[in-house]
Amino acid sequence: MAALIEFPADDPERALRFWRELLEVDLRERGEGEGAGWVADSDGVRVGVHERGRGPGDTASLPYFQVADITSALRVVEDLGGSIVHPGEHWAICRDSEGTPFALEAR
């Protein structure tokens, strides 16, 4: 399972420098359809940085997990006692049964 961990940043240039140097990766600007910010692959995990906003994924780091069918996965989240914070067709932000935020991404 591929995963993405997204880090919101008050100062994107400072955050890019931090993650680039710590992980020794080249965070590139995202392309068409990838959303805003920068992304890199590091040891099988995608790491993303984006400017902090006011949305549900903008308060702390947010792990993304790929799923084959986002509609079915969102149903399972609710069946297991989790909640859907921001539904979407390609990405959705959720909370687990303990209130911890995470996101799902359609493959």
N, C-alpha and C. Protein backbone atom coordinates (compact mmCIF):
# COMPACT_ATOMS: atom_id res chain seq x y z
N MET A 1 0.84 -1.17 0.00
CA MET A 1 0.00 0.00 0.00
C MET A 1 0.89 1.24 0.00
N ALA A 2 0.69 2.07 -0.97
CA ALA A 2 1.43 3.32 -1.01
C ALA A 2 0.79 4.31 -0.05
N ALA A 3 1.57 5.17 0.52
CA ALA A 3 1.05 6.15 1.45
C ALA A 3 1.66 7.51 1.14
N LEU A 4 0.94 8.54 1.53
CA LEU A 4 1.40 9.92 1.41
C LEU A 4 1.24 10.56 2.77
N ILE A 5 2.28 11.23 3.23
CA ILE A 5 2.18 12.02 4.45
C ILE A 5 2.34 13.47 4.04
N GLU A 6 1.35 14.27 4.37
CA GLU A 6 1.29 15.67 3.95
C GLU A 6 1.58 16.58 5.14
N PHE A 7 2.47 17.55 4.94
CA PHE A 7 2.84 18.48 5.99
C PHE A 7 2.43 19.90 5.60
N PRO A 8 1.51 20.52 6.34
CA PRO A 8 1.17 21.90 6.07
C PRO A 8 2.28 22.82 6.60
N ALA A 9 2.46 23.97 5.95
CA ALA A 9 3.55 24.86 6.32
C ALA A 9 3.11 26.32 6.35
N ASP A 10 3.48 27.01 7.42
CA ASP A 10 3.27 28.45 7.49
C ASP A 10 4.24 29.17 6.56
N ASP A 11 5.45 28.64 6.45
CA ASP A 11 6.50 29.19 5.58
C ASP A 11 6.96 28.06 4.67
N PRO A 12 6.33 27.93 3.48
CA PRO A 12 6.65 26.79 2.61
C PRO A 12 8.13 26.65 2.26
N GLU A 13 8.82 27.76 2.02
CA GLU A 13 10.24 27.65 1.67
C GLU A 13 11.05 27.07 2.83
N ARG A 14 10.73 27.49 4.04
CA ARG A 14 11.43 26.96 5.22
C ARG A 14 11.13 25.47 5.38
N ALA A 15 9.85 25.09 5.20
CA ALA A 15 9.46 23.68 5.32
C ALA A 15 10.11 22.84 4.22
N LEU A 16 10.15 23.36 3.00
CA LEU A 16 10.79 22.62 1.91
C LEU A 16 12.25 22.37 2.23
N ARG A 17 12.94 23.39 2.70
CA ARG A 17 14.36 23.22 3.06
C ARG A 17 14.50 22.16 4.14
N PHE A 18 13.66 22.21 5.17
CA PHE A 18 13.71 21.25 6.26
C PHE A 18 13.56 19.82 5.76
N TRP A 19 12.46 19.54 5.02
CA TRP A 19 12.18 18.17 4.58
C TRP A 19 13.15 17.70 3.51
N ARG A 20 13.57 18.60 2.61
CA ARG A 20 14.55 18.22 1.59
C ARG A 20 15.86 17.78 2.23
N GLU A 21 16.33 18.57 3.19
CA GLU A 21 17.62 18.25 3.81
C GLU A 21 17.52 17.07 4.77
N LEU A 22 16.44 16.98 5.54
CA LEU A 22 16.31 15.87 6.47
C LEU A 22 16.18 14.54 5.75
N LEU A 23 15.30 14.48 4.75
CA LEU A 23 15.05 13.22 4.04
C LEU A 23 15.94 13.01 2.83
N GLU A 24 16.72 14.04 2.48
CA GLU A 24 17.60 13.99 1.30
C GLU A 24 16.81 13.62 0.05
N VAL A 25 15.71 14.37 -0.18
CA VAL A 25 14.86 14.16 -1.34
C VAL A 25 14.64 15.49 -2.05
N ASP A 26 14.23 15.40 -3.31
CA ASP A 26 13.93 16.59 -4.09
C ASP A 26 12.42 16.74 -4.17
N LEU A 27 11.86 17.61 -3.35
CA LEU A 27 10.42 17.88 -3.41
C LEU A 27 10.18 18.74 -4.64
N ARG A 28 9.40 18.21 -5.58
CA ARG A 28 9.10 18.93 -6.81
C ARG A 28 7.71 19.54 -6.73
N GLU A 29 7.50 20.60 -7.49
CA GLU A 29 6.18 21.21 -7.53
C GLU A 29 5.21 20.22 -8.14
N ARG A 30 4.04 20.13 -7.55
CA ARG A 30 3.03 19.19 -8.06
C ARG A 30 2.54 19.61 -9.44
N GLY A 31 2.16 18.61 -10.22
CA GLY A 31 1.66 18.85 -11.56
C GLY A 31 0.15 18.93 -11.59
N GLU A 32 -0.37 19.04 -12.80
CA GLU A 32 -1.81 19.10 -13.04
C GLU A 32 -2.53 17.94 -12.36
N GLY A 33 -3.57 18.24 -11.61
CA GLY A 33 -4.38 17.21 -10.96
C GLY A 33 -3.80 16.66 -9.67
N GLU A 34 -2.63 17.14 -9.26
CA GLU A 34 -2.00 16.64 -8.03
C GLU A 34 -2.26 17.53 -6.82
N GLY A 35 -2.95 18.63 -6.99
CA GLY A 35 -3.17 19.56 -5.89
C GLY A 35 -2.05 20.58 -5.81
N ALA A 36 -2.10 21.40 -4.78
CA ALA A 36 -1.11 22.46 -4.59
C ALA A 36 0.05 21.97 -3.74
N GLY A 37 1.21 22.56 -3.94
CA GLY A 37 2.36 22.25 -3.11
C GLY A 37 3.44 21.46 -3.83
N TRP A 38 4.18 20.68 -3.06
CA TRP A 38 5.34 19.95 -3.53
C TRP A 38 5.26 18.52 -3.04
N VAL A 39 5.91 17.60 -3.75
CA VAL A 39 5.85 16.19 -3.38
C VAL A 39 7.15 15.49 -3.78
N ALA A 40 7.50 14.43 -3.03
CA ALA A 40 8.66 13.60 -3.34
C ALA A 40 8.37 12.18 -2.87
N ASP A 41 9.05 11.22 -3.48
CA ASP A 41 8.97 9.84 -3.03
C ASP A 41 10.22 9.54 -2.22
N SER A 42 10.02 8.92 -1.05
CA SER A 42 11.13 8.62 -0.17
C SER A 42 10.92 7.25 0.45
N ASP A 43 11.71 6.28 0.02
CA ASP A 43 11.64 4.92 0.57
C ASP A 43 10.22 4.35 0.58
N GLY A 44 9.50 4.50 -0.53
CA GLY A 44 8.17 3.94 -0.68
C GLY A 44 7.05 4.77 -0.09
N VAL A 45 7.38 5.91 0.47
CA VAL A 45 6.37 6.81 1.03
C VAL A 45 6.46 8.14 0.29
N ARG A 46 5.31 8.67 -0.10
CA ARG A 46 5.28 10.00 -0.71
C ARG A 46 5.19 11.02 0.41
N VAL A 47 6.01 12.06 0.32
CA VAL A 47 6.01 13.13 1.30
C VAL A 47 5.58 14.39 0.58
N GLY A 48 4.59 15.09 1.14
CA GLY A 48 4.10 16.31 0.53
C GLY A 48 4.18 17.49 1.48
N VAL A 49 4.37 18.67 0.90
CA VAL A 49 4.35 19.92 1.66
C VAL A 49 3.41 20.86 0.92
N HIS A 50 2.56 21.54 1.67
CA HIS A 50 1.69 22.54 1.08
C HIS A 50 1.53 23.71 2.04
N GLU A 51 1.19 24.86 1.49
CA GLU A 51 0.97 26.03 2.33
C GLU A 51 -0.22 25.79 3.25
N ARG A 52 -0.05 26.14 4.52
CA ARG A 52 -1.12 25.92 5.49
C ARG A 52 -2.33 26.79 5.13
N GLY A 53 -3.48 26.17 5.21
CA GLY A 53 -4.73 26.88 4.96
C GLY A 53 -5.65 26.72 6.14
N ARG A 54 -6.93 26.81 5.90
CA ARG A 54 -7.90 26.68 6.99
C ARG A 54 -8.71 25.39 6.87
N GLY A 55 -8.34 24.51 5.96
CA GLY A 55 -9.09 23.28 5.74
C GLY A 55 -8.78 22.21 6.76
N PRO A 56 -9.51 21.08 6.68
CA PRO A 56 -9.36 20.01 7.67
C PRO A 56 -8.01 19.32 7.64
N GLY A 57 -7.27 19.42 6.54
CA GLY A 57 -5.96 18.80 6.47
C GLY A 57 -4.82 19.78 6.69
N ASP A 58 -5.13 20.94 7.24
CA ASP A 58 -4.13 22.00 7.33
C ASP A 58 -3.66 22.31 8.74
N THR A 59 -4.01 21.50 9.73
CA THR A 59 -3.63 21.81 11.09
C THR A 59 -2.42 21.01 11.58
N ALA A 60 -2.19 19.84 11.00
CA ALA A 60 -1.08 18.99 11.42
C ALA A 60 -0.73 18.07 10.26
N SER A 61 0.33 17.27 10.42
CA SER A 61 0.67 16.32 9.37
C SER A 61 -0.51 15.37 9.16
N LEU A 62 -0.68 14.92 7.93
CA LEU A 62 -1.85 14.11 7.60
C LEU A 62 -1.42 12.95 6.72
N PRO A 63 -1.56 11.70 7.22
CA PRO A 63 -1.22 10.55 6.37
C PRO A 63 -2.36 10.25 5.41
N TYR A 64 -2.01 9.98 4.17
CA TYR A 64 -2.97 9.57 3.13
C TYR A 64 -2.72 8.10 2.83
N PHE A 65 -3.80 7.34 2.65
CA PHE A 65 -3.71 5.94 2.30
C PHE A 65 -4.50 5.71 1.03
N GLN A 66 -3.92 4.96 0.08
CA GLN A 66 -4.61 4.68 -1.17
C GLN A 66 -5.60 3.55 -1.00
N VAL A 67 -6.76 3.71 -1.61
CA VAL A 67 -7.80 2.68 -1.61
C VAL A 67 -8.31 2.48 -3.02
N ALA A 68 -8.78 1.28 -3.32
CA ALA A 68 -9.26 0.97 -4.67
C ALA A 68 -10.58 1.68 -4.97
N ASP A 69 -11.46 1.76 -3.97
CA ASP A 69 -12.78 2.34 -4.17
C ASP A 69 -13.08 3.27 -3.00
N ILE A 70 -13.00 4.55 -3.24
CA ILE A 70 -13.14 5.52 -2.14
C ILE A 70 -14.54 5.50 -1.53
N THR A 71 -15.57 5.29 -2.34
CA THR A 71 -16.94 5.25 -1.82
C THR A 71 -17.10 4.11 -0.83
N SER A 72 -16.61 2.93 -1.19
CA SER A 72 -16.69 1.77 -0.29
C SER A 72 -15.85 1.99 0.96
N ALA A 73 -14.67 2.57 0.78
CA ALA A 73 -13.79 2.80 1.93
C ALA A 73 -14.42 3.78 2.92
N LEU A 74 -15.10 4.80 2.42
CA LEU A 74 -15.75 5.76 3.31
C LEU A 74 -16.89 5.10 4.09
N ARG A 75 -17.57 4.18 3.45
CA ARG A 75 -18.62 3.43 4.14
C ARG A 75 -18.02 2.61 5.28
N VAL A 76 -16.87 1.99 5.02
CA VAL A 76 -16.19 1.18 6.05
C VAL A 76 -15.73 2.08 7.20
N VAL A 77 -15.20 3.28 6.88
CA VAL A 77 -14.79 4.21 7.93
C VAL A 77 -15.95 4.44 8.90
N GLU A 78 -17.12 4.74 8.37
CA GLU A 78 -18.28 5.00 9.22
C GLU A 78 -18.74 3.74 9.94
N ASP A 79 -18.72 2.60 9.26
CA ASP A 79 -19.13 1.34 9.89
C ASP A 79 -18.25 0.99 11.08
N LEU A 80 -16.98 1.39 11.02
CA LEU A 80 -16.04 1.08 12.09
C LEU A 80 -16.00 2.15 13.18
N GLY A 81 -16.89 3.13 13.09
CA GLY A 81 -16.95 4.16 14.13
C GLY A 81 -16.16 5.41 13.85
N GLY A 82 -15.62 5.51 12.64
CA GLY A 82 -14.90 6.71 12.26
C GLY A 82 -15.86 7.74 11.68
N SER A 83 -15.33 8.87 11.25
CA SER A 83 -16.17 9.90 10.67
C SER A 83 -15.50 10.49 9.43
N ILE A 84 -16.32 11.06 8.58
CA ILE A 84 -15.84 11.68 7.35
C ILE A 84 -15.91 13.19 7.56
N VAL A 85 -14.77 13.84 7.49
CA VAL A 85 -14.68 15.28 7.71
C VAL A 85 -14.92 16.03 6.41
N HIS A 86 -14.27 15.56 5.36
CA HIS A 86 -14.38 16.22 4.05
C HIS A 86 -14.45 15.13 2.97
N PRO A 87 -15.66 14.80 2.50
CA PRO A 87 -15.77 13.77 1.47
C PRO A 87 -15.32 14.30 0.11
N GLY A 88 -14.91 13.41 -0.75
CA GLY A 88 -14.52 13.79 -2.10
C GLY A 88 -14.49 12.58 -3.00
N GLU A 89 -14.40 12.82 -4.30
CA GLU A 89 -14.36 11.73 -5.27
C GLU A 89 -12.97 11.12 -5.40
N HIS A 90 -11.93 11.94 -5.19
CA HIS A 90 -10.55 11.45 -5.34
C HIS A 90 -9.81 11.42 -4.02
N TRP A 91 -10.10 12.35 -3.11
CA TRP A 91 -9.49 12.41 -1.79
C TRP A 91 -10.59 12.65 -0.78
N ALA A 92 -10.42 12.13 0.42
CA ALA A 92 -11.37 12.39 1.50
C ALA A 92 -10.58 12.45 2.81
N ILE A 93 -10.97 13.37 3.66
CA ILE A 93 -10.34 13.49 4.97
C ILE A 93 -11.29 12.92 5.99
N CYS A 94 -10.75 12.08 6.87
CA CYS A 94 -11.56 11.34 7.84
C CYS A 94 -10.93 11.43 9.22
N ARG A 95 -11.65 10.89 10.19
CA ARG A 95 -11.11 10.67 11.54
C ARG A 95 -11.37 9.21 11.89
N ASP A 96 -10.41 8.59 12.56
CA ASP A 96 -10.62 7.21 12.96
C ASP A 96 -11.53 7.14 14.18
N SER A 97 -11.72 5.97 14.73
CA SER A 97 -12.63 5.79 15.86
C SER A 97 -12.19 6.55 17.10
N GLU A 98 -10.91 6.97 17.14
CA GLU A 98 -10.37 7.70 18.29
C GLU A 98 -10.25 9.19 18.02
N GLY A 99 -10.66 9.62 16.83
CA GLY A 99 -10.62 11.05 16.49
C GLY A 99 -9.37 11.51 15.77
N THR A 100 -8.46 10.59 15.44
CA THR A 100 -7.23 10.95 14.75
C THR A 100 -7.49 11.16 13.26
N PRO A 101 -7.05 12.31 12.71
CA PRO A 101 -7.30 12.57 11.29
C PRO A 101 -6.38 11.76 10.37
N PHE A 102 -6.92 11.39 9.22
CA PHE A 102 -6.17 10.74 8.15
C PHE A 102 -6.94 10.99 6.86
N ALA A 103 -6.34 10.66 5.74
CA ALA A 103 -7.01 10.86 4.47
C ALA A 103 -6.94 9.60 3.63
N LEU A 104 -7.91 9.47 2.75
CA LEU A 104 -7.94 8.37 1.79
C LEU A 104 -7.82 8.97 0.39
N GLU A 105 -7.13 8.26 -0.48
CA GLU A 105 -6.93 8.70 -1.86
C GLU A 105 -7.29 7.55 -2.79
N ALA A 106 -8.12 7.82 -3.78
CA ALA A 106 -8.49 6.79 -4.76
C ALA A 106 -7.28 6.50 -5.64
N ARG A 107 -7.03 5.22 -5.89
CA ARG A 107 -5.91 4.82 -6.77
C ARG A 107 -6.23 5.17 -8.20
